[in-house]
Amino acid sequence: MIYLLAIFLPPLALLLYGRIFQAVLNLLICIVALVTGFIWLFLAGGPGLFIWSIAVIHAVLVINSAKQDRRARLIAASMRQSQQP
């Protein structure tokens, strides 16, 4: 579900996942994409769509990385807990 949100509203997906700095950076990328899309409106949104896809890829990679970090912390915590007598 979070990946679907990352496709349509990348900054919101990052905010919901707790990545504030990345959300602000992604918001700037989305604003640039929208502005370029409006400027190049008669060219079928070519540059704006390309920049928007960069924002989507950024959001998906950050969310995937956060999920992997959380999973690694859980595994490390369970290993520490199982080693204690």
PDB file of N, CA and C in Angstrom:
ATOM      1  N   MET A   1       0.819  -1.188   0.000  1.00  0.00           N
ATOM      2  CA  MET A   1       0.000   0.000   0.000  1.00  0.00           C
ATOM      3  C   MET A   1       0.874   1.268   0.000  1.00  0.00           C
ATOM      4  N   ILE A   2       1.966   1.209   0.764  1.00  0.00           N
ATOM      5  CA  ILE A   2       2.833   2.378   0.848  1.00  0.00           C
ATOM      6  C   ILE A   2       3.519   2.633  -0.496  1.00  0.00           C
ATOM      7  N   TYR A   3       3.778   1.566  -1.252  1.00  0.00           N
ATOM      8  CA  TYR A   3       4.408   1.748  -2.555  1.00  0.00           C
ATOM      9  C   TYR A   3       3.440   2.392  -3.548  1.00  0.00           C
ATOM     10  N   LEU A   4       2.169   2.068  -3.446  1.00  0.00           N
ATOM     11  CA  LEU A   4       1.175   2.702  -4.303  1.00  0.00           C
ATOM     12  C   LEU A   4       1.075   4.192  -3.988  1.00  0.00           C
ATOM     13  N   LEU A   5       1.119   4.518  -2.711  1.00  0.00           N
ATOM     14  CA  LEU A   5       1.116   5.921  -2.312  1.00  0.00           C
ATOM     15  C   LEU A   5       2.395   6.618  -2.786  1.00  0.00           C
ATOM     16  N   ALA A   6       3.501   5.892  -2.789  1.00  0.00           N
ATOM     17  CA  ALA A   6       4.769   6.469  -3.254  1.00  0.00           C
ATOM     18  C   ALA A   6       4.733   6.781  -4.744  1.00  0.00           C
ATOM     19  N   ILE A   7       3.902   6.083  -5.491  1.00  0.00           N
ATOM     20  CA  ILE A   7       3.806   6.363  -6.923  1.00  0.00           C
ATOM     21  C   ILE A   7       3.013   7.639  -7.173  1.00  0.00           C
ATOM     22  N   PHE A   8       1.908   7.809  -6.443  1.00  0.00           N
ATOM     23  CA  PHE A   8       1.036   8.943  -6.716  1.00  0.00           C
ATOM     24  C   PHE A   8       1.371  10.182  -5.885  1.00  0.00           C
ATOM     25  N   LEU A   9       1.775  10.009  -4.638  1.00  0.00           N
ATOM     26  CA  LEU A   9       2.134  11.131  -3.763  1.00  0.00           C
ATOM     27  C   LEU A   9       3.435  10.800  -3.017  1.00  0.00           C
ATOM     28  N   PRO A  10       4.567  10.880  -3.704  1.00  0.00           N
ATOM     29  CA  PRO A  10       5.830  10.461  -3.085  1.00  0.00           C
ATOM     30  C   PRO A  10       6.183  11.183  -1.782  1.00  0.00           C
ATOM     31  N   PRO A  11       6.027  12.512  -1.672  1.00  0.00           N
ATOM     32  CA  PRO A  11       6.407  13.151  -0.413  1.00  0.00           C
ATOM     33  C   PRO A  11       5.541  12.704   0.772  1.00  0.00           C
ATOM     34  N   LEU A  12       4.266  12.477   0.528  1.00  0.00           N
ATOM     35  CA  LEU A  12       3.380  12.023   1.599  1.00  0.00           C
ATOM     36  C   LEU A  12       3.749  10.625   2.068  1.00  0.00           C
ATOM     37  N   ALA A  13       4.115   9.767   1.147  1.00  0.00           N
ATOM     38  CA  ALA A  13       4.532   8.415   1.519  1.00  0.00           C
ATOM     39  C   ALA A  13       5.775   8.458   2.404  1.00  0.00           C
ATOM     40  N   LEU A  14       6.705   9.339   2.065  1.00  0.00           N
ATOM     41  CA  LEU A  14       7.916   9.450   2.875  1.00  0.00           C
ATOM     42  C   LEU A  14       7.621  10.044   4.249  1.00  0.00           C
ATOM     43  N   LEU A  15       6.711  10.996   4.300  1.00  0.00           N
ATOM     44  CA  LEU A  15       6.325  11.563   5.598  1.00  0.00           C
ATOM     45  C   LEU A  15       5.654  10.519   6.484  1.00  0.00           C
ATOM     46  N   LEU A  16       4.783   9.718   5.901  1.00  0.00           N
ATOM     47  CA  LEU A  16       4.106   8.679   6.673  1.00  0.00           C
ATOM     48  C   LEU A  16       5.074   7.616   7.160  1.00  0.00           C
ATOM     49  N   TYR A  17       6.159   7.438   6.445  1.00  0.00           N
ATOM     50  CA  TYR A  17       7.156   6.451   6.854  1.00  0.00           C
ATOM     51  C   TYR A  17       8.197   7.035   7.801  1.00  0.00           C
ATOM     52  N   GLY A  18       8.094   8.330   8.106  1.00  0.00           N
ATOM     53  CA  GLY A  18       8.971   8.943   9.091  1.00  0.00           C
ATOM     54  C   GLY A  18      10.275   9.480   8.548  1.00  0.00           C
ATOM     55  N   ARG A  19      10.393   9.646   7.276  1.00  0.00           N
ATOM     56  CA  ARG A  19      11.607  10.180   6.653  1.00  0.00           C
ATOM     57  C   ARG A  19      11.367  11.632   6.263  1.00  0.00           C
ATOM     58  N   ILE A  20      11.560  12.540   7.194  1.00  0.00           N
ATOM     59  CA  ILE A  20      11.181  13.935   7.008  1.00  0.00           C
ATOM     60  C   ILE A  20      12.116  14.646   6.027  1.00  0.00           C
ATOM     61  N   PHE A  21      13.425  14.478   6.199  1.00  0.00           N
ATOM     62  CA  PHE A  21      14.372  15.158   5.310  1.00  0.00           C
ATOM     63  C   PHE A  21      14.196  14.699   3.868  1.00  0.00           C
ATOM     64  N   GLN A  22      14.037  13.390   3.673  1.00  0.00           N
ATOM     65  CA  GLN A  22      13.835  12.878   2.330  1.00  0.00           C
ATOM     66  C   GLN A  22      12.509  13.349   1.749  1.00  0.00           C
ATOM     67  N   ALA A  23      11.491  13.527   2.614  1.00  0.00           N
ATOM     68  CA  ALA A  23      10.193  14.014   2.143  1.00  0.00           C
ATOM     69  C   ALA A  23      10.305  15.456   1.642  1.00  0.00           C
ATOM     70  N   VAL A  24      11.077  16.273   2.347  1.00  0.00           N
ATOM     71  CA  VAL A  24      11.267  17.659   1.915  1.00  0.00           C
ATOM     72  C   VAL A  24      12.028  17.695   0.589  1.00  0.00           C
ATOM     73  N   LEU A  25      13.063  16.896   0.476  1.00  0.00           N
ATOM     74  CA  LEU A  25      13.818  16.814  -0.773  1.00  0.00           C
ATOM     75  C   LEU A  25      12.926  16.331  -1.912  1.00  0.00           C
ATOM     76  N   ASN A  26      12.119  15.326  -1.634  1.00  0.00           N
ATOM     77  CA  ASN A  26      11.222  14.790  -2.644  1.00  0.00           C
ATOM     78  C   ASN A  26      10.151  15.798  -3.032  1.00  0.00           C
ATOM     79  N   LEU A  27       9.687  16.587  -2.077  1.00  0.00           N
ATOM     80  CA  LEU A  27       8.711  17.630  -2.376  1.00  0.00           C
ATOM     81  C   LEU A  27       9.296  18.659  -3.335  1.00  0.00           C
ATOM     82  N   LEU A  28      10.553  19.007  -3.129  1.00  0.00           N
ATOM     83  CA  LEU A  28      11.214  19.938  -4.048  1.00  0.00           C
ATOM     84  C   LEU A  28      11.312  19.347  -5.454  1.00  0.00           C
ATOM     85  N   ILE A  29      11.627  18.074  -5.544  1.00  0.00           N
ATOM     86  CA  ILE A  29      11.691  17.416  -6.852  1.00  0.00           C
ATOM     87  C   ILE A  29      10.314  17.417  -7.512  1.00  0.00           C
ATOM     88  N   CYS A  30       9.263  17.150  -6.726  1.00  0.00           N
ATOM     89  CA  CYS A  30       7.899  17.138  -7.276  1.00  0.00           C
ATOM     90  C   CYS A  30       7.469  18.528  -7.733  1.00  0.00           C
ATOM     91  N   ILE A  31       7.850  19.547  -6.987  1.00  0.00           N
ATOM     92  CA  ILE A  31       7.509  20.917  -7.396  1.00  0.00           C
ATOM     93  C   ILE A  31       8.195  21.259  -8.708  1.00  0.00           C
ATOM     94  N   VAL A  32       9.465  20.897  -8.835  1.00  0.00           N
ATOM     95  CA  VAL A  32      10.182  21.129 -10.091  1.00  0.00           C
ATOM     96  C   VAL A  32       9.499  20.365 -11.229  1.00  0.00           C
ATOM     97  N   ALA A  33       9.049  19.145 -10.955  1.00  0.00           N
ATOM     98  CA  ALA A  33       8.374  18.353 -11.982  1.00  0.00           C
ATOM     99  C   ALA A  33       7.064  19.006 -12.411  1.00  0.00           C
ATOM    100  N   LEU A  34       6.300  19.509 -11.455  1.00  0.00           N
ATOM    101  CA  LEU A  34       5.034  20.160 -11.797  1.00  0.00           C
ATOM    102  C   LEU A  34       5.249  21.461 -12.564  1.00  0.00           C
ATOM    103  N   VAL A  35       6.230  22.245 -12.141  1.00  0.00           N
ATOM    104  CA  VAL A  35       6.512  23.500 -12.837  1.00  0.00           C
ATOM    105  C   VAL A  35       6.979  23.216 -14.262  1.00  0.00           C
ATOM    106  N   THR A  36       7.876  22.250 -14.414  1.00  0.00           N
ATOM    107  CA  THR A  36       8.332  21.925 -15.766  1.00  0.00           C
ATOM    108  C   THR A  36       7.208  21.325 -16.590  1.00  0.00           C
ATOM    109  N   GLY A  37       6.330  20.575 -15.955  1.00  0.00           N
ATOM    110  CA  GLY A  37       5.190  20.019 -16.676  1.00  0.00           C
ATOM    111  C   GLY A  37       4.256  21.095 -17.189  1.00  0.00           C
ATOM    112  N   PHE A  38       4.043  22.142 -16.388  1.00  0.00           N
ATOM    113  CA  PHE A  38       3.187  23.237 -16.835  1.00  0.00           C
ATOM    114  C   PHE A  38       3.852  24.063 -17.931  1.00  0.00           C
ATOM    115  N   ILE A  39       5.162  24.236 -17.832  1.00  0.00           N
ATOM    116  CA  ILE A  39       5.873  24.994 -18.861  1.00  0.00           C
ATOM    117  C   ILE A  39       5.849  24.238 -20.186  1.00  0.00           C
ATOM    118  N   TRP A  40       6.069  22.937 -20.130  1.00  0.00           N
ATOM    119  CA  TRP A  40       6.129  22.121 -21.334  1.00  0.00           C
ATOM    120  C   TRP A  40       4.804  21.402 -21.582  1.00  0.00           C
ATOM    121  N   LEU A  41       3.709  22.038 -21.256  1.00  0.00           N
ATOM    122  CA  LEU A  41       2.398  21.424 -21.371  1.00  0.00           C
ATOM    123  C   LEU A  41       2.099  20.964 -22.794  1.00  0.00           C
ATOM    124  N   PHE A  42       2.562  21.699 -23.770  1.00  0.00           N
ATOM    125  CA  PHE A  42       2.261  21.361 -25.153  1.00  0.00           C
ATOM    126  C   PHE A  42       3.153  20.258 -25.708  1.00  0.00           C
ATOM    127  N   LEU A  43       4.133  19.832 -24.929  1.00  0.00           N
ATOM    128  CA  LEU A  43       4.989  18.727 -25.363  1.00  0.00           C
ATOM    129  C   LEU A  43       4.615  17.436 -24.638  1.00  0.00           C
ATOM    130  N   ALA A  44       3.383  17.316 -24.203  1.00  0.00           N
ATOM    131  CA  ALA A  44       2.828  16.132 -23.537  1.00  0.00           C
ATOM    132  C   ALA A  44       3.523  15.844 -22.212  1.00  0.00           C
ATOM    133  N   GLY A  45       4.039  16.856 -21.584  1.00  0.00           N
ATOM    134  CA  GLY A  45       4.614  16.693 -20.245  1.00  0.00           C
ATOM    135  C   GLY A  45       5.887  15.889 -20.198  1.00  0.00           C
ATOM    136  N   GLY A  46       6.640  15.857 -21.256  1.00  0.00           N
ATOM    137  CA  GLY A  46       7.853  15.039 -21.328  1.00  0.00           C
ATOM    138  C   GLY A  46       8.835  15.252 -20.196  1.00  0.00           C
ATOM    139  N   PRO A  47       9.405  16.435 -20.050  1.00  0.00           N
ATOM    140  CA  PRO A  47      10.377  16.638 -18.973  1.00  0.00           C
ATOM    141  C   PRO A  47       9.752  16.537 -17.575  1.00  0.00           C
ATOM    142  N   GLY A  48       8.545  17.034 -17.439  1.00  0.00           N
ATOM    143  CA  GLY A  48       7.886  16.964 -16.135  1.00  0.00           C
ATOM    144  C   GLY A  48       7.622  15.536 -15.709  1.00  0.00           C
ATOM    145  N   LEU A  49       7.215  14.701 -16.646  1.00  0.00           N
ATOM    146  CA  LEU A  49       6.953  13.295 -16.351  1.00  0.00           C
ATOM    147  C   LEU A  49       8.241  12.570 -16.000  1.00  0.00           C
ATOM    148  N   PHE A  50       9.316  12.918 -16.670  1.00  0.00           N
ATOM    149  CA  PHE A  50      10.619  12.313 -16.373  1.00  0.00           C
ATOM    150  C   PHE A  50      11.074  12.688 -14.964  1.00  0.00           C
ATOM    151  N   ILE A  51      10.938  13.951 -14.605  1.00  0.00           N
ATOM    152  CA  ILE A  51      11.347  14.392 -13.271  1.00  0.00           C
ATOM    153  C   ILE A  51      10.448  13.779 -12.208  1.00  0.00           C
ATOM    154  N   TRP A  52       9.155  13.638 -12.505  1.00  0.00           N
ATOM    155  CA  TRP A  52       8.234  12.999 -11.554  1.00  0.00           C
ATOM    156  C   TRP A  52       8.645  11.539 -11.325  1.00  0.00           C
ATOM    157  N   SER A  53       9.084  10.866 -12.389  1.00  0.00           N
ATOM    158  CA  SER A  53       9.517   9.478 -12.220  1.00  0.00           C
ATOM    159  C   SER A  53      10.765   9.396 -11.349  1.00  0.00           C
ATOM    160  N   ILE A  54      11.611  10.402 -11.391  1.00  0.00           N
ATOM    161  CA  ILE A  54      12.771  10.445 -10.493  1.00  0.00           C
ATOM    162  C   ILE A  54      12.303  10.545  -9.045  1.00  0.00           C
ATOM    163  N   ALA A  55      11.272  11.371  -8.793  1.00  0.00           N
ATOM    164  CA  ALA A  55      10.731  11.499  -7.443  1.00  0.00           C
ATOM    165  C   ALA A  55      10.127  10.185  -6.967  1.00  0.00           C
ATOM    166  N   VAL A  56       9.446   9.475  -7.848  1.00  0.00           N
ATOM    167  CA  VAL A  56       8.838   8.192  -7.494  1.00  0.00           C
ATOM    168  C   VAL A  56       9.910   7.155  -7.178  1.00  0.00           C
ATOM    169  N   ILE A  57      10.933   7.095  -8.010  1.00  0.00           N
ATOM    170  CA  ILE A  57      12.024   6.139  -7.774  1.00  0.00           C
ATOM    171  C   ILE A  57      12.721   6.456  -6.455  1.00  0.00           C
ATOM    172  N   HIS A  58      12.946   7.727  -6.186  1.00  0.00           N
ATOM    173  CA  HIS A  58      13.566   8.131  -4.927  1.00  0.00           C
ATOM    174  C   HIS A  58      12.718   7.678  -3.742  1.00  0.00           C
ATOM    175  N   ALA A  59      11.418   7.895  -3.798  1.00  0.00           N
ATOM    176  CA  ALA A  59      10.537   7.516  -2.699  1.00  0.00           C
ATOM    177  C   ALA A  59      10.526   6.007  -2.488  1.00  0.00           C
ATOM    178  N   VAL A  60      10.451   5.250  -3.559  1.00  0.00           N
ATOM    179  CA  VAL A  60      10.419   3.791  -3.446  1.00  0.00           C
ATOM    180  C   VAL A  60      11.725   3.268  -2.860  1.00  0.00           C
ATOM    181  N   LEU A  61      12.854   3.819  -3.297  1.00  0.00           N
ATOM    182  CA  LEU A  61      14.142   3.366  -2.767  1.00  0.00           C
ATOM    183  C   LEU A  61      14.301   3.706  -1.286  1.00  0.00           C
ATOM    184  N   VAL A  62      13.857   4.876  -0.873  1.00  0.00           N
ATOM    185  CA  VAL A  62      13.963   5.262   0.541  1.00  0.00           C
ATOM    186  C   VAL A  62      13.070   4.379   1.406  1.00  0.00           C
ATOM    187  N   ILE A  63      11.864   4.106   0.941  1.00  0.00           N
ATOM    188  CA  ILE A  63      10.953   3.260   1.713  1.00  0.00           C
ATOM    189  C   ILE A  63      11.495   1.836   1.794  1.00  0.00           C
ATOM    190  N   ASN A  64      12.020   1.318   0.703  1.00  0.00           N
ATOM    191  CA  ASN A  64      12.600  -0.021   0.712  1.00  0.00           C
ATOM    192  C   ASN A  64      13.792  -0.089   1.663  1.00  0.00           C
ATOM    193  N   SER A  65      14.617   0.928   1.665  1.00  0.00           N
ATOM    194  CA  SER A  65      15.764   0.972   2.565  1.00  0.00           C
ATOM    195  C   SER A  65      15.321   1.030   4.028  1.00  0.00           C
ATOM    196  N   ALA A  66      14.288   1.804   4.309  1.00  0.00           N
ATOM    197  CA  ALA A  66      13.785   1.893   5.675  1.00  0.00           C
ATOM    198  C   ALA A  66      13.219   0.555   6.139  1.00  0.00           C
ATOM    199  N   LYS A  67      12.543  -0.156   5.248  1.00  0.00           N
ATOM    200  CA  LYS A  67      12.023  -1.482   5.603  1.00  0.00           C
ATOM    201  C   LYS A  67      13.161  -2.460   5.887  1.00  0.00           C
ATOM    202  N   GLN A  68      14.217  -2.404   5.086  1.00  0.00           N
ATOM    203  CA  GLN A  68      15.360  -3.283   5.313  1.00  0.00           C
ATOM    204  C   GLN A  68      16.066  -2.951   6.625  1.00  0.00           C
ATOM    205  N   ASP A  69      16.196  -1.665   6.946  1.00  0.00           N
ATOM    206  CA  ASP A  69      16.810  -1.263   8.211  1.00  0.00           C
ATOM    207  C   ASP A  69      16.000  -1.766   9.396  1.00  0.00           C
ATOM    208  N   ARG A  70      14.686  -1.628   9.321  1.00  0.00           N
ATOM    209  CA  ARG A  70      13.817  -2.087  10.396  1.00  0.00           C
ATOM    210  C   ARG A  70      13.922  -3.596  10.570  1.00  0.00           C
ATOM    211  N   ARG A  71      13.954  -4.326   9.455  1.00  0.00           N
ATOM    212  CA  ARG A  71      14.080  -5.772   9.505  1.00  0.00           C
ATOM    213  C   ARG A  71      15.420  -6.182  10.118  1.00  0.00           C
ATOM    214  N   ALA A  72      16.497  -5.496   9.770  1.00  0.00           N
ATOM    215  CA  ALA A  72      17.824  -5.817  10.320  1.00  0.00           C
ATOM    216  C   ALA A  72      17.881  -5.533  11.810  1.00  0.00           C
ATOM    217  N   ARG A  73      17.244  -4.419  12.249  1.00  0.00           N
ATOM    218  CA  ARG A  73      17.210  -4.137  13.692  1.00  0.00           C
ATOM    219  C   ARG A  73      16.450  -5.203  14.456  1.00  0.00           C
ATOM    220  N   LEU A  74      15.338  -5.693  13.899  1.00  0.00           N
ATOM    221  CA  LEU A  74      14.572  -6.748  14.556  1.00  0.00           C
ATOM    222  C   LEU A  74      15.365  -8.045  14.661  1.00  0.00           C
ATOM    223  N   ILE A  75      16.077  -8.383  13.610  1.00  0.00           N
ATOM    224  CA  ILE A  75      16.891  -9.595  13.627  1.00  0.00           C
ATOM    225  C   ILE A  75      18.020  -9.457  14.643  1.00  0.00           C
ATOM    226  N   ALA A  76      18.679  -8.302  14.672  1.00  0.00           N
ATOM    227  CA  ALA A  76      19.773  -8.092  15.629  1.00  0.00           C
ATOM    228  C   ALA A  76      19.252  -8.132  17.067  1.00  0.00           C
ATOM    229  N   ALA A  77      18.082  -7.546  17.312  1.00  0.00           N
ATOM    230  CA  ALA A  77      17.517  -7.565  18.658  1.00  0.00           C
ATOM    231  C   ALA A  77      17.144  -8.977  19.078  1.00  0.00           C
ATOM    232  N   SER A  78      16.602  -9.759  18.166  1.00  0.00           N
ATOM    233  CA  SER A  78      16.241 -11.130  18.525  1.00  0.00           C
ATOM    234  C   SER A  78      17.480 -11.986  18.739  1.00  0.00           C
ATOM    235  N   MET A  79      18.555 -11.714  17.999  1.00  0.00           N
ATOM    236  CA  MET A  79      19.796 -12.452  18.212  1.00  0.00           C
ATOM    237  C   MET A  79      20.403 -12.103  19.571  1.00  0.00           C
ATOM    238  N   ARG A  80      20.374 -10.816  19.925  1.00  0.00           N
ATOM    239  CA  ARG A  80      20.881 -10.416  21.240  1.00  0.00           C
ATOM    240  C   ARG A  80      20.061 -11.048  22.366  1.00  0.00           C
ATOM    241  N   GLN A  81      18.774 -11.099  22.169  1.00  0.00           N
ATOM    242  CA  GLN A  81      17.893 -11.643  23.201  1.00  0.00           C
ATOM    243  C   GLN A  81      18.100 -13.146  23.343  1.00  0.00           C
ATOM    244  N   SER A  82      18.353 -13.860  22.265  1.00  0.00           N
ATOM    245  CA  SER A  82      18.537 -15.295  22.334  1.00  0.00           C
ATOM    246  C   SER A  82      19.903 -15.670  22.906  1.00  0.00           C
ATOM    247  N   GLN A  83      20.873 -14.758  22.856  1.00  0.00           N
ATOM    248  CA  GLN A  83      22.195 -15.039  23.397  1.00  0.00           C
ATOM    249  C   GLN A  83      22.293 -14.826  24.888  1.00  0.00           C
ATOM    250  N   GLN A  84      21.360 -14.087  25.464  1.00  0.00           N
ATOM    251  CA  GLN A  84      21.399 -13.821  26.902  1.00  0.00           C
ATOM    252  C   GLN A  84      20.960 -15.081  27.654  1.00  0.00           C
ATOM    253  N   PRO A  85      21.656 -15.365  28.778  1.00  0.00           N
ATOM    254  CA  PRO A  85      21.306 -16.586  29.542  1.00  0.00           C
ATOM    255  C   PRO A  85      20.013 -16.446  30.310  1.00  0.00           C
TER     256      PRO A  85
END
